[in-house]
Amino acid sequence: MFGDKTKKLKDAERSLISETVSIEGTINSSGAIDIAGLVKGPVHSKEIIVRETGSITGTIEADRVEVHGHMDGKISADDIVIGSTGTVKGDIDFANNLKTENGADIDGYIKKSNRAKSKLSADFLFSKSKDDKKAKENGSKDIAVNKESELTA
């Protein structure tokens, strides 16, 4: 939507939270997330699309955000689109582009800032804490998901 500058993510790098799913807690992803269900908690990702049936109560931090459903909380991103069916109740902080379509509903402050590039690197999102490493050394099993979404034990 923002021209050729935006690199399209491969389908393999996208995650879907479907209409039948409700999640409470923090969501971190180094790829893209399509949210059609309910999320309560902060969402950190490279790209987030809240579909018409989707709802987030919490904060969003991403490079690119599209809201076609409901968002209750602060959005911080480089590029933001609020679709015609989108509702945002909270502040919007963007660095490059903000697009609102006819019918978009926004209740909050809008600020253009010099937001630093995303801190959401794969190392940050999927690094293990010292406690996790110690637990593994002591023989407890550990399951982690890496950026290629492979499961390791």
Protein backbone atom coordinates (compact mmCIF):
# COMPACT_ATOMS: atom_id res chain seq x y z
CA MET A 1 0.00 0.00 0.00
CA PHE A 2 2.93 2.32 0.47
CA GLY A 3 4.54 1.67 -2.91
CA ASP A 4 7.44 -0.48 -3.95
CA LYS A 5 9.46 0.45 -0.86
CA THR A 6 7.51 -2.01 1.30
CA LYS A 7 8.86 -5.53 0.92
CA LYS A 8 6.08 -8.10 0.73
CA LEU A 9 6.43 -10.82 3.33
CA LYS A 10 6.19 -14.44 2.21
CA ASP A 11 3.16 -16.42 3.36
CA ALA A 12 5.48 -18.70 5.34
CA GLU A 13 6.48 -15.73 7.51
CA ARG A 14 2.84 -14.87 8.39
CA SER A 15 0.98 -16.07 11.46
CA LEU A 16 -2.80 -16.13 11.82
CA ILE A 17 -4.80 -15.74 14.99
CA SER A 18 -8.15 -16.97 13.70
CA GLU A 19 -11.67 -15.85 14.65
CA THR A 20 -12.05 -18.77 17.07
CA VAL A 21 -8.91 -17.90 19.07
CA SER A 22 -8.61 -15.68 22.14
CA ILE A 23 -5.17 -14.91 23.56
CA GLU A 24 -4.24 -13.15 26.79
CA GLY A 25 -0.58 -12.16 27.14
CA THR A 26 2.32 -10.70 25.18
CA ILE A 27 2.76 -11.64 21.53
CA ASN A 28 6.20 -11.29 19.88
CA SER A 29 6.93 -12.09 16.24
CA SER A 30 9.75 -11.31 13.85
CA GLY A 31 7.38 -11.80 10.91
CA ALA A 32 3.82 -10.71 10.25
CA ILE A 33 0.62 -11.44 12.16
CA ASP A 34 -2.95 -11.40 10.90
CA ILE A 35 -5.36 -11.07 13.82
CA ALA A 36 -8.96 -12.16 13.23
CA GLY A 37 -9.58 -13.23 16.84
CA LEU A 38 -9.25 -11.54 20.24
CA VAL A 39 -5.97 -10.45 21.84
CA LYS A 40 -5.57 -8.94 25.32
CA GLY A 41 -2.02 -7.73 25.83
CA PRO A 42 0.83 -6.07 23.95
CA VAL A 43 1.67 -7.16 20.39
CA HIS A 44 5.17 -6.64 18.94
CA SER A 45 5.76 -7.65 15.33
CA LYS A 46 7.19 -6.51 12.02
CA GLU A 47 3.72 -6.26 10.45
CA ILE A 48 0.29 -6.50 12.09
CA ILE A 49 -3.06 -6.66 10.31
CA VAL A 50 -6.18 -6.55 12.47
CA ARG A 51 -8.95 -8.00 10.31
CA GLU A 52 -12.60 -6.92 10.52
CA THR A 53 -13.36 -9.64 13.08
CA GLY A 54 -10.16 -8.96 15.03
CA SER A 55 -9.80 -7.07 18.28
CA ILE A 56 -6.76 -6.03 20.33
CA THR A 57 -6.85 -4.58 23.82
CA GLY A 58 -3.28 -3.50 24.58
CA THR A 59 -0.46 -1.80 22.75
CA ILE A 60 0.89 -2.43 19.26
CA GLU A 61 4.49 -1.83 18.25
CA ALA A 62 5.41 -2.68 14.67
CA ASP A 63 6.95 -1.42 11.46
CA ARG A 64 3.59 -1.56 9.63
CA VAL A 65 0.04 -1.76 11.02
CA GLU A 66 -3.38 -2.08 9.38
CA VAL A 67 -6.56 -1.89 11.46
CA HIS A 68 -9.82 -3.08 9.91
CA GLY A 69 -11.28 -4.30 13.22
CA HIS A 70 -11.06 -2.93 16.77
CA MET A 71 -8.03 -1.60 18.61
CA ASP A 72 -8.16 -0.34 22.20
CA GLY A 73 -4.71 0.99 23.13
CA LYS A 74 -1.68 2.80 21.74
CA ILE A 75 -0.27 2.10 18.27
CA SER A 76 3.40 2.88 17.50
CA ALA A 77 4.55 2.14 13.95
CA ASP A 78 6.32 3.55 10.94
CA ASP A 79 3.35 3.10 8.57
CA ILE A 80 -0.28 2.85 9.72
CA VAL A 81 -3.54 2.28 7.83
CA ILE A 82 -6.92 2.61 9.54
CA GLY A 83 -9.43 0.97 7.20
CA SER A 84 -13.04 2.02 6.61
CA THR A 85 -14.24 -0.59 9.14
CA GLY A 86 -11.42 0.13 11.62
CA THR A 87 -11.95 1.55 15.10
CA VAL A 88 -9.06 2.82 17.22
CA LYS A 89 -9.58 3.98 20.81
CA GLY A 90 -6.14 5.16 21.82
CA ASP A 91 -3.18 7.22 20.70
CA ILE A 92 -1.46 6.75 17.34
CA ASP A 93 2.27 7.42 17.02
CA PHE A 94 3.67 7.08 13.48
CA ALA A 95 6.97 7.90 11.79
CA ASN A 96 6.33 7.81 8.01
CA ASN A 97 2.75 7.43 6.79
CA LEU A 98 -0.74 7.45 8.28
CA LYS A 99 -3.69 6.62 6.04
CA THR A 100 -7.30 6.75 7.17
CA GLU A 101 -10.05 5.51 4.89
CA ASN A 102 -13.57 6.97 4.80
CA GLY A 103 -15.49 5.57 7.76
CA ALA A 104 -12.45 5.02 10.00
CA ASP A 105 -13.20 5.79 13.66
CA ILE A 106 -10.37 7.22 15.78
CA ASP A 107 -10.72 8.39 19.39
CA GLY A 108 -7.28 9.50 20.59
CA TYR A 109 -4.30 11.68 19.84
CA ILE A 110 -2.29 11.37 16.64
CA LYS A 111 1.40 12.23 16.65
CA LYS A 112 4.05 12.07 13.97
CA SER A 113 7.42 11.34 15.53
CA ASN A 114 10.93 10.36 14.58
CA ARG A 115 10.42 6.84 15.85
CA ALA A 116 13.67 4.91 15.87
CA LYS A 117 13.80 1.86 13.65
CA SER A 118 12.21 -1.20 15.14
CA LYS A 119 14.01 -2.88 18.01
CA LEU A 120 12.29 -6.12 17.04
CA SER A 121 15.20 -8.15 15.78
CA ALA A 122 15.11 -11.92 15.73
CA ASP A 123 17.74 -11.97 18.49
CA PHE A 124 15.58 -9.80 20.74
CA LEU A 125 12.38 -11.73 20.13
CA PHE A 126 13.75 -15.20 20.53
CA SER A 127 16.74 -14.84 22.84
CA LYS A 128 16.77 -16.89 25.99
CA SER A 129 17.29 -15.43 29.41
CA LYS A 130 20.13 -16.54 31.67
CA ASP A 131 17.63 -18.42 33.85
CA ASP A 132 16.38 -20.40 30.84
CA LYS A 133 19.93 -21.35 29.90
CA LYS A 134 20.73 -22.44 33.49
CA ALA A 135 17.55 -24.55 33.64
CA LYS A 136 18.54 -26.31 30.42
CA GLU A 137 22.05 -26.98 31.76
CA ASN A 138 20.47 -28.58 34.84
CA GLY A 139 18.63 -31.08 32.66
CA SER A 140 15.15 -29.62 32.32
CA LYS A 141 13.58 -29.82 28.88
CA ASP A 142 13.13 -26.60 26.96
CA ILE A 143 11.01 -25.96 23.90
CA ALA A 144 11.71 -22.83 21.87
CA VAL A 145 10.40 -21.48 18.59
CA ASN A 146 12.95 -19.80 16.35
CA LYS A 147 12.28 -17.26 13.61
CA GLU A 148 11.71 -20.01 11.02
CA SER A 149 8.95 -21.41 13.26
CA GLU A 150 10.71 -24.73 13.74
CA LEU A 151 10.19 -26.66 16.96
CA THR A 152 13.26 -27.85 18.83
CA ALA A 153 13.59 -29.72 22.09
